[in-house]
Each structure stands twice: as C-alpha cells, then as structure tokens.
PDB file of N, CA and C in Angstrom:
ATOM      1  N   MET A   1       1.001  -1.252   0.192  1.00  0.00           N
ATOM      2  CA  MET A   1      -0.172  -0.310  -0.338  1.00  0.00           C
ATOM      3  C   MET A   1       0.873   1.151  -0.074  1.00  0.00           C
ATOM      4  N   ALA A   2       1.798   1.438   0.431  1.00  0.00           N
ATOM      5  CA  ALA A   2       2.852   2.307   0.960  1.00  0.00           C
ATOM      6  C   ALA A   2       3.352   2.689  -0.451  1.00  0.00           C
ATOM      7  N   GLY A   3       3.750   1.432  -1.300  1.00  0.00           N
ATOM      8  CA  GLY A   3       4.604   2.018  -2.744  1.00  0.00           C
ATOM      9  C   GLY A   3       3.347   2.588  -3.870  1.00  0.00           C
ATOM     10  N   ARG A   4       2.167   2.477  -3.072  1.00  0.00           N
ATOM     11  CA  ARG A   4       1.142   2.759  -4.765  1.00  0.00           C
ATOM     12  C   ARG A   4       1.533   4.532  -4.208  1.00  0.00           C
ATOM     13  N   HIS A   5       1.169   4.743  -2.678  1.00  0.00           N
ATOM     14  CA  HIS A   5       0.872   6.291  -2.318  1.00  0.00           C
ATOM     15  C   HIS A   5       2.474   6.338  -2.314  1.00  0.00           C
ATOM     16  N   LYS A   6       3.516   6.057  -2.815  1.00  0.00           N
ATOM     17  CA  LYS A   6       4.501   7.093  -3.359  1.00  0.00           C
ATOM     18  C   LYS A   6       4.928   6.931  -4.616  1.00  0.00           C
ATOM     19  N   SER A   7       4.006   6.309  -5.803  1.00  0.00           N
ATOM     20  CA  SER A   7       4.707   6.337  -7.545  1.00  0.00           C
ATOM     21  C   SER A   7       3.185   7.055  -7.838  1.00  0.00           C
ATOM     22  N   ARG A   8       1.446   7.748  -6.466  1.00  0.00           N
ATOM     23  CA  ARG A   8       0.870   8.204  -6.421  1.00  0.00           C
ATOM     24  C   ARG A   8       1.754  10.252  -6.525  1.00  0.00           C
ATOM     25  N   ILE A   9       2.475  10.350  -5.491  1.00  0.00           N
ATOM     26  CA  ILE A   9       2.694  11.004  -5.831  1.00  0.00           C
ATOM     27  C   ILE A   9       3.639  11.602  -6.119  1.00  0.00           C
ATOM     28  N   LYS A  10       4.908  10.997  -6.687  1.00  0.00           N
ATOM     29  CA  LYS A  10       5.979  11.498  -7.886  1.00  0.00           C
ATOM     30  C   LYS A  10       4.535  11.259  -9.797  1.00  0.00           C
ATOM     31  N   LYS A  11       3.196  10.731  -9.140  1.00  0.00           N
ATOM     32  CA  LYS A  11       3.185  11.217 -10.631  1.00  0.00           C
ATOM     33  C   LYS A  11       2.463  12.519 -10.574  1.00  0.00           C
ATOM     34  N   MET A  12       2.390  12.847  -9.874  1.00  0.00           N
ATOM     35  CA  MET A  12       1.630  15.058  -9.080  1.00  0.00           C
ATOM     36  C   MET A  12       2.248  15.038  -9.500  1.00  0.00           C
ATOM     37  N   ALA A  13       3.212  15.182  -8.985  1.00  0.00           N
ATOM     38  CA  ALA A  13       5.197  15.847  -8.475  1.00  0.00           C
ATOM     39  C   ALA A  13       5.507  16.332 -10.918  1.00  0.00           C
ATOM     40  N   LEU A  14       5.128  15.143 -10.909  1.00  0.00           N
ATOM     41  CA  LEU A  14       5.552  15.046 -12.308  1.00  0.00           C
ATOM     42  C   LEU A  14       4.291  15.872 -13.362  1.00  0.00           C
ATOM     43  N   LEU A  15       2.885  15.658 -12.990  1.00  0.00           N
ATOM     44  CA  LEU A  15       2.268  16.408 -13.316  1.00  0.00           C
ATOM     45  C   LEU A  15       2.525  17.641 -12.839  1.00  0.00           C
ATOM     46  N   ASP A  16       2.496  18.662 -12.172  1.00  0.00           N
ATOM     47  CA  ASP A  16       2.322  19.369 -11.264  1.00  0.00           C
ATOM     48  C   ASP A  16       3.532  20.120 -11.842  1.00  0.00           C
ATOM     49  N   GLN A  17       4.482  20.039 -12.175  1.00  0.00           N
ATOM     50  CA  GLN A  17       5.855  20.746 -13.184  1.00  0.00           C
ATOM     51  C   GLN A  17       5.183  20.548 -14.527  1.00  0.00           C
ATOM     52  N   GLN A  18       5.420  19.581 -14.970  1.00  0.00           N
ATOM     53  CA  GLN A  18       4.782  19.400 -16.049  1.00  0.00           C
ATOM     54  C   GLN A  18       3.569  20.761 -16.491  1.00  0.00           C
ATOM     55  N   CYS A  19       2.438  21.194 -15.368  1.00  0.00           N
ATOM     56  CA  CYS A  19       1.981  22.715 -15.829  1.00  0.00           C
ATOM     57  C   CYS A  19       2.299  23.306 -15.515  1.00  0.00           C
ATOM     58  N   ALA A  20       3.311  23.215 -14.787  1.00  0.00           N
ATOM     59  CA  ALA A  20       4.197  24.783 -14.370  1.00  0.00           C
ATOM     60  C   ALA A  20       4.980  24.987 -15.360  1.00  0.00           C
ATOM     61  N   ASN A  21       5.760  24.055 -16.575  1.00  0.00           N
ATOM     62  CA  ASN A  21       6.233  24.111 -16.794  1.00  0.00           C
ATOM     63  C   ASN A  21       5.459  24.764 -18.755  1.00  0.00           C
ATOM     64  N   ARG A  22       4.289  24.352 -18.304  1.00  0.00           N
ATOM     65  CA  ARG A  22       2.919  25.046 -19.167  1.00  0.00           C
ATOM     66  C   ARG A  22       2.579  26.023 -19.376  1.00  0.00           C
ATOM     67  N   VAL A  23       2.428  26.171 -17.873  1.00  0.00           N
ATOM     68  CA  VAL A  23       1.991  28.012 -17.647  1.00  0.00           C
ATOM     69  C   VAL A  23       3.366  28.871 -18.097  1.00  0.00           C
ATOM     70  N   ALA A  24       4.546  28.662 -17.691  1.00  0.00           N
ATOM     71  CA  ALA A  24       5.684  29.431 -18.197  1.00  0.00           C
ATOM     72  C   ALA A  24       5.399  29.626 -19.752  1.00  0.00           C
ATOM     73  N   THR A  25       5.118  28.586 -20.855  1.00  0.00           N
ATOM     74  CA  THR A  25       5.524  28.482 -22.359  1.00  0.00           C
ATOM     75  C   THR A  25       4.393  29.676 -22.167  1.00  0.00           C
ATOM     76  N   GLY A  26       3.058  29.199 -22.409  1.00  0.00           N
ATOM     77  CA  GLY A  26       1.639  30.323 -21.833  1.00  0.00           C
ATOM     78  C   GLY A  26       2.003  31.966 -21.888  1.00  0.00           C
ATOM     79  N   ALA A  27       2.911  31.760 -20.849  1.00  0.00           N
ATOM     80  CA  ALA A  27       3.436  32.797 -20.333  1.00  0.00           C
ATOM     81  C   ALA A  27       4.126  34.217 -21.347  1.00  0.00           C
ATOM     82  N   ALA A  28       5.207  33.065 -21.283  1.00  0.00           N
ATOM     83  CA  ALA A  28       6.073  33.772 -23.149  1.00  0.00           C
ATOM     84  C   ALA A  28       6.133  33.661 -24.272  1.00  0.00           C
ATOM     85  N   VAL A  29       5.340  33.146 -24.746  1.00  0.00           N
ATOM     86  CA  VAL A  29       4.407  33.664 -25.842  1.00  0.00           C
ATOM     87  C   VAL A  29       3.290  34.202 -26.021  1.00  0.00           C
ATOM     88  N   GLY A  30       2.629  35.022 -24.832  1.00  0.00           N
ATOM     89  CA  GLY A  30       1.982  35.350 -24.944  1.00  0.00           C
ATOM     90  C   GLY A  30       2.361  36.533 -24.151  1.00  0.00           C
ATOM     91  N   GLY A  31       3.452  36.537 -23.681  1.00  0.00           N
ATOM     92  CA  GLY A  31       4.537  37.851 -23.024  1.00  0.00           C
ATOM     93  C   GLY A  31       4.949  38.080 -25.368  1.00  0.00           C
ATOM     94  N   ALA A  32       4.998  37.099 -25.753  1.00  0.00           N
ATOM     95  CA  ALA A  32       6.124  38.147 -27.015  1.00  0.00           C
ATOM     96  C   ALA A  32       4.814  38.607 -28.223  1.00  0.00           C
ATOM     97  N   LEU A  33       3.743  37.480 -28.388  1.00  0.00           N
ATOM     98  CA  LEU A  33       2.870  38.102 -29.260  1.00  0.00           C
ATOM     99  C   LEU A  33       1.784  39.084 -28.721  1.00  0.00           C
ATOM    100  N   GLY A  34       2.081  39.851 -27.430  1.00  0.00           N
ATOM    101  CA  GLY A  34       1.455  41.106 -26.893  1.00  0.00           C
ATOM    102  C   GLY A  34       2.204  42.563 -26.817  1.00  0.00           C
ATOM    103  N   ALA A  35       3.788  41.486 -26.733  1.00  0.00           N
ATOM    104  CA  ALA A  35       4.657  42.630 -27.129  1.00  0.00           C
ATOM    105  C   ALA A  35       4.488  43.234 -28.654  1.00  0.00           C
ATOM    106  N   SER A  36       5.440  42.193 -29.896  1.00  0.00           N
ATOM    107  CA  SER A  36       4.708  42.393 -31.061  1.00  0.00           C
ATOM    108  C   SER A  36       3.439  43.192 -31.382  1.00  0.00           C
ATOM    109  N   ILE A  37       2.931  43.209 -30.768  1.00  0.00           N
ATOM    110  CA  ILE A  37       1.262  43.622 -31.173  1.00  0.00           C
ATOM    111  C   ILE A  37       0.667  45.166 -30.696  1.00  0.00           C
ATOM    112  N   GLY A  38       1.487  44.605 -29.581  1.00  0.00           N
ATOM    113  CA  GLY A  38       1.870  46.532 -28.615  1.00  0.00           C
ATOM    114  C   GLY A  38       3.086  46.984 -29.091  1.00  0.00           C
ATOM    115  N   ALA A  39       4.173  46.434 -29.697  1.00  0.00           N
ATOM    116  CA  ALA A  39       4.622  47.558 -31.111  1.00  0.00           C
ATOM    117  C   ALA A  39       3.965  48.361 -32.345  1.00  0.00           C
ATOM    118  N   LEU A  40       3.669  47.306 -33.108  1.00  0.00           N
ATOM    119  CA  LEU A  40       2.867  47.517 -33.872  1.00  0.00           C
ATOM    120  C   LEU A  40       1.430  48.887 -33.646  1.00  0.00           C
ATOM    121  N   TYR A  41       0.433  48.727 -32.618  1.00  0.00           N
ATOM    122  CA  TYR A  41      -0.459  48.993 -32.779  1.00  0.00           C
ATOM    123  C   TYR A  41      -0.006  50.586 -32.098  1.00  0.00           C
ATOM    124  N   GLY A  42       1.573  50.710 -31.196  1.00  0.00           N
ATOM    125  CA  GLY A  42       1.796  51.565 -30.669  1.00  0.00           C
ATOM    126  C   GLY A  42       2.797  52.592 -30.984  1.00  0.00           C
ATOM    127  N   THR A  43       2.841  52.001 -33.090  1.00  0.00           N
ATOM    128  CA  THR A  43       3.285  52.924 -33.923  1.00  0.00           C
ATOM    129  C   THR A  43       2.569  53.580 -34.342  1.00  0.00           C
ATOM    130  N   TYR A  44       1.849  52.970 -35.094  1.00  0.00           N
ATOM    131  CA  TYR A  44       0.581  52.524 -35.544  1.00  0.00           C
ATOM    132  C   TYR A  44      -0.596  54.404 -34.769  1.00  0.00           C
ATOM    133  N   GLU A  45      -0.399  54.058 -33.659  1.00  0.00           N
ATOM    134  CA  GLU A  45      -1.416  55.248 -32.709  1.00  0.00           C
ATOM    135  C   GLU A  45       0.032  56.805 -32.446  1.00  0.00           C
ATOM    136  N   ALA A  46       1.172  56.009 -32.496  1.00  0.00           N
ATOM    137  CA  ALA A  46       2.549  57.178 -32.346  1.00  0.00           C
ATOM    138  C   ALA A  46       1.982  58.099 -33.579  1.00  0.00           C
ATOM    139  N   PHE A  47       1.822  57.782 -34.227  1.00  0.00           N
ATOM    140  CA  PHE A  47       2.229  58.541 -35.609  1.00  0.00           C
ATOM    141  C   PHE A  47       0.675  58.763 -36.111  1.00  0.00           C
ATOM    142  N   ARG A  48      -0.710  58.410 -35.452  1.00  0.00           N
ATOM    143  CA  ARG A  48      -1.316  58.644 -36.043  1.00  0.00           C
ATOM    144  C   ARG A  48      -1.229  60.255 -35.202  1.00  0.00           C
ATOM    145  N   TYR A  49      -1.938  60.156 -33.921  1.00  0.00           N
ATOM    146  CA  TYR A  49      -1.926  60.721 -32.639  1.00  0.00           C
ATOM    147  C   TYR A  49      -1.387  62.220 -33.180  1.00  0.00           C
ATOM    148  N   LYS A  50      -0.092  62.292 -33.767  1.00  0.00           N
ATOM    149  CA  LYS A  50       1.469  63.339 -33.547  1.00  0.00           C
ATOM    150  C   LYS A  50       2.079  63.618 -32.947  1.00  0.00           C
ATOM    151  N   VAL A  51       2.190  61.981 -32.069  1.00  0.00           N
ATOM    152  CA  VAL A  51       3.185  62.515 -31.210  1.00  0.00           C
ATOM    153  C   VAL A  51       4.256  63.442 -30.597  1.00  0.00           C
ATOM    154  N   PRO A  52       5.163  64.061 -30.003  1.00  0.00           N
ATOM    155  CA  PRO A  52       5.558  64.997 -30.881  1.00  0.00           C
ATOM    156  C   PRO A  52       7.035  63.699 -30.403  1.00  0.00           C
ATOM    157  N   GLY A  53       8.554  63.834 -31.801  1.00  0.00           N
ATOM    158  CA  GLY A  53      10.072  64.011 -30.655  1.00  0.00           C
ATOM    159  C   GLY A  53      10.119  62.455 -30.294  1.00  0.00           C
ATOM    160  N   PHE A  54      10.584  62.689 -28.541  1.00  0.00           N
ATOM    161  CA  PHE A  54      11.173  61.181 -28.080  1.00  0.00           C
ATOM    162  C   PHE A  54       9.858  60.617 -27.479  1.00  0.00           C
ATOM    163  N   TYR A  55       8.814  61.603 -27.169  1.00  0.00           N
ATOM    164  CA  TYR A  55       7.782  61.406 -26.785  1.00  0.00           C
ATOM    165  C   TYR A  55       6.957  59.718 -28.017  1.00  0.00           C
ATOM    166  N   LYS A  56       7.592  59.417 -28.570  1.00  0.00           N
ATOM    167  CA  LYS A  56       7.179  58.302 -29.285  1.00  0.00           C
ATOM    168  C   LYS A  56       7.488  57.376 -29.197  1.00  0.00           C
ATOM    169  N   VAL A  57       8.731  57.652 -28.924  1.00  0.00           N
ATOM    170  CA  VAL A  57       9.921  56.065 -28.355  1.00  0.00           C
ATOM    171  C   VAL A  57       8.426  55.518 -26.902  1.00  0.00           C
ATOM    172  N   ARG A  58       8.755  56.602 -25.611  1.00  0.00           N
ATOM    173  CA  ARG A  58       8.094  56.638 -25.016  1.00  0.00           C
ATOM    174  C   ARG A  58       6.931  55.759 -24.800  1.00  0.00           C
ATOM    175  N   TYR A  59       5.851  56.334 -25.512  1.00  0.00           N
ATOM    176  CA  TYR A  59       5.123  55.772 -25.843  1.00  0.00           C
ATOM    177  C   TYR A  59       4.396  54.284 -26.735  1.00  0.00           C
ATOM    178  N   ILE A  60       5.891  53.931 -27.608  1.00  0.00           N
ATOM    179  CA  ILE A  60       5.529  53.206 -27.966  1.00  0.00           C
ATOM    180  C   ILE A  60       5.779  51.127 -27.565  1.00  0.00           C
ATOM    181  N   GLY A  61       7.676  52.184 -26.523  1.00  0.00           N
ATOM    182  CA  GLY A  61       7.517  51.420 -25.302  1.00  0.00           C
ATOM    183  C   GLY A  61       6.347  51.051 -24.058  1.00  0.00           C
ATOM    184  N   GLN A  62       5.648  51.112 -23.940  1.00  0.00           N
ATOM    185  CA  GLN A  62       4.651  51.633 -22.882  1.00  0.00           C
ATOM    186  C   GLN A  62       3.135  50.723 -23.031  1.00  0.00           C
ATOM    187  N   THR A  63       3.751  50.987 -25.113  1.00  0.00           N
ATOM    188  CA  THR A  63       2.826  50.169 -25.564  1.00  0.00           C
ATOM    189  C   THR A  63       2.523  48.746 -25.691  1.00  0.00           C
ATOM    190  N   THR A  64       4.543  48.574 -26.504  1.00  0.00           N
ATOM    191  CA  THR A  64       3.864  47.267 -25.906  1.00  0.00           C
ATOM    192  C   THR A  64       4.141  46.342 -24.986  1.00  0.00           C
ATOM    193  N   LEU A  65       5.151  47.198 -23.793  1.00  0.00           N
ATOM    194  CA  LEU A  65       5.212  46.443 -22.223  1.00  0.00           C
ATOM    195  C   LEU A  65       3.972  46.376 -21.626  1.00  0.00           C
ATOM    196  N   SER A  66       3.270  46.886 -21.701  1.00  0.00           N
ATOM    197  CA  SER A  66       1.603  46.504 -21.699  1.00  0.00           C
ATOM    198  C   SER A  66       1.246  45.663 -22.194  1.00  0.00           C
ATOM    199  N   SER A  67       0.890  45.623 -23.557  1.00  0.00           N
ATOM    200  CA  SER A  67       0.501  43.958 -24.061  1.00  0.00           C
ATOM    201  C   SER A  67       0.437  43.547 -23.772  1.00  0.00           C
ATOM    202  N   ALA A  68       2.390  42.834 -23.622  1.00  0.00           N
ATOM    203  CA  ALA A  68       2.908  41.987 -23.301  1.00  0.00           C
ATOM    204  C   ALA A  68       2.849  41.644 -22.410  1.00  0.00           C
ATOM    205  N   ALA A  69       2.346  42.124 -21.170  1.00  0.00           N
ATOM    206  CA  ALA A  69       2.134  42.212 -19.456  1.00  0.00           C
ATOM    207  C   ALA A  69       0.923  41.232 -20.193  1.00  0.00           C
ATOM    208  N   VAL A  70      -0.055  42.478 -20.259  1.00  0.00           N
ATOM    209  CA  VAL A  70      -2.134  41.725 -20.881  1.00  0.00           C
ATOM    210  C   VAL A  70      -1.836  40.641 -21.152  1.00  0.00           C
ATOM    211  N   PHE A  71      -1.062  40.334 -22.772  1.00  0.00           N
ATOM    212  CA  PHE A  71      -1.278  39.043 -23.215  1.00  0.00           C
ATOM    213  C   PHE A  71      -0.394  38.187 -22.195  1.00  0.00           C
ATOM    214  N   GLY A  72       0.851  37.932 -21.816  1.00  0.00           N
ATOM    215  CA  GLY A  72       1.347  36.435 -21.295  1.00  0.00           C
ATOM    216  C   GLY A  72      -0.045  37.091 -19.416  1.00  0.00           C
ATOM    217  N   LEU A  73      -0.429  37.670 -19.570  1.00  0.00           N
ATOM    218  CA  LEU A  73      -1.283  36.889 -18.611  1.00  0.00           C
ATOM    219  C   LEU A  73      -2.184  36.473 -18.740  1.00  0.00           C
ATOM    220  N   PHE A  74      -3.129  37.156 -19.282  1.00  0.00           N
ATOM    221  CA  PHE A  74      -3.592  36.178 -20.215  1.00  0.00           C
ATOM    222  C   PHE A  74      -3.562  34.395 -20.574  1.00  0.00           C
ATOM    223  N   LEU A  75      -2.279  34.536 -21.255  1.00  0.00           N
ATOM    224  CA  LEU A  75      -2.687  33.080 -22.189  1.00  0.00           C
ATOM    225  C   LEU A  75      -1.947  32.540 -20.670  1.00  0.00           C
ATOM    226  N   GLY A  76      -0.852  32.640 -20.271  1.00  0.00           N
ATOM    227  CA  GLY A  76      -0.034  31.780 -19.003  1.00  0.00           C
ATOM    228  C   GLY A  76      -2.087  31.128 -17.799  1.00  0.00           C
ATOM    229  N   ALA A  77      -2.946  32.474 -17.544  1.00  0.00           N
ATOM    230  CA  ALA A  77      -4.043  32.317 -16.945  1.00  0.00           C
ATOM    231  C   ALA A  77      -5.014  30.523 -17.961  1.00  0.00           C
ATOM    232  N   GLY A  78      -4.754  30.751 -19.054  1.00  0.00           N
ATOM    233  CA  GLY A  78      -5.543  29.792 -19.407  1.00  0.00           C
ATOM    234  C   GLY A  78      -4.765  28.683 -19.870  1.00  0.00           C
ATOM    235  N   SER A  79      -3.104  28.483 -19.715  1.00  0.00           N
ATOM    236  CA  SER A  79      -2.767  27.412 -19.381  1.00  0.00           C
ATOM    237  C   SER A  79      -2.549  26.612 -18.277  1.00  0.00           C
ATOM    238  N   LEU A  80      -2.651  27.408 -17.248  1.00  0.00           N
ATOM    239  CA  LEU A  80      -3.110  27.274 -15.755  1.00  0.00           C
ATOM    240  C   LEU A  80      -4.899  26.841 -15.649  1.00  0.00           C
ATOM    241  N   ILE A  81      -5.490  26.927 -16.097  1.00  0.00           N
ATOM    242  CA  ILE A  81      -6.514  26.505 -16.219  1.00  0.00           C
ATOM    243  C   ILE A  81      -7.155  25.487 -17.259  1.00  0.00           C
ATOM    244  N   HIS A  82      -5.863  25.419 -18.679  1.00  0.00           N
ATOM    245  CA  HIS A  82      -5.571  23.480 -19.219  1.00  0.00           C
ATOM    246  C   HIS A  82      -5.702  22.572 -18.690  1.00  0.00           C
ATOM    247  N   CYS A  83      -5.089  23.099 -17.363  1.00  0.00           N
ATOM    248  CA  CYS A  83      -3.155  21.765 -16.965  1.00  0.00           C
ATOM    249  C   CYS A  83      -4.510  21.377 -16.220  1.00  0.00           C
ATOM    250  N   GLY A  84      -5.641  21.842 -15.104  1.00  0.00           N
ATOM    251  CA  GLY A  84      -6.278  21.883 -14.464  1.00  0.00           C
ATOM    252  C   GLY A  84      -7.350  20.756 -15.142  1.00  0.00           C
ATOM    253  N   ARG A  85      -7.634  20.956 -16.054  1.00  0.00           N
ATOM    254  CA  ARG A  85      -8.704  19.335 -16.383  1.00  0.00           C
ATOM    255  C   ARG A  85      -7.761  18.029 -17.270  1.00  0.00           C
ATOM    256  N   HIS A  86      -8.333  17.281 -16.840  1.00  0.00           N
ATOM    257  CA  HIS A  86      -7.900  15.905 -17.565  1.00  0.00           C
ATOM    258  C   HIS A  86      -8.445  15.158 -18.413  1.00  0.00           C
ATOM    259  N   SER A  87      -7.945  14.707 -19.376  1.00  0.00           N
ATOM    260  CA  SER A  87      -8.448  14.059 -20.263  1.00  0.00           C
ATOM    261  C   SER A  87      -8.820  12.898 -20.591  1.00  0.00           C
TER     262      SER A  87
END
C-alpha cells in the first residue's frame, strides 16, 4: 500500500512540473505575441496622433510592455486552467 502512495506522489509531482512548464511557456508566448502586437499598434497610434519627438519612443515602449503583460497574463492563466482538466 505504501508503494502505491509513493508512486502516486511522484506522478502528481511530475504533473505539477509539466503544468508549471506549460504555464511558463504560455506566459512567454503570450508576452512575445503581446509585445509584437503592442509595438505595431503603438507605432501606429504614435504617428496617427502625431506624438512629438522622443515621446514617440516612450509611447511605443509603454504600449509594447503593457500589451506584453496583458497577453502574457491571460495566456498563462488560460494554460493554468487548461492544466487542471484531465482528459
């Protein structure tokens, strides 16, 4: 009986590690995707609204980082939710 319990704990630890890897990968992919979309959108908005001088760089940077954070958060959370489902 004790042997079964130990193997079950090892399986759970393996599943937890796989889940952590999936969540980290999801957050990284979401961050990369969000950064690229944020950079494109920030550039478009900066030129559309005629943001002056170096404020363009700041505006594009803010848009890039905020989009990366939001996309990374949501894709990481989605990966975490998906990890909890057993098929």
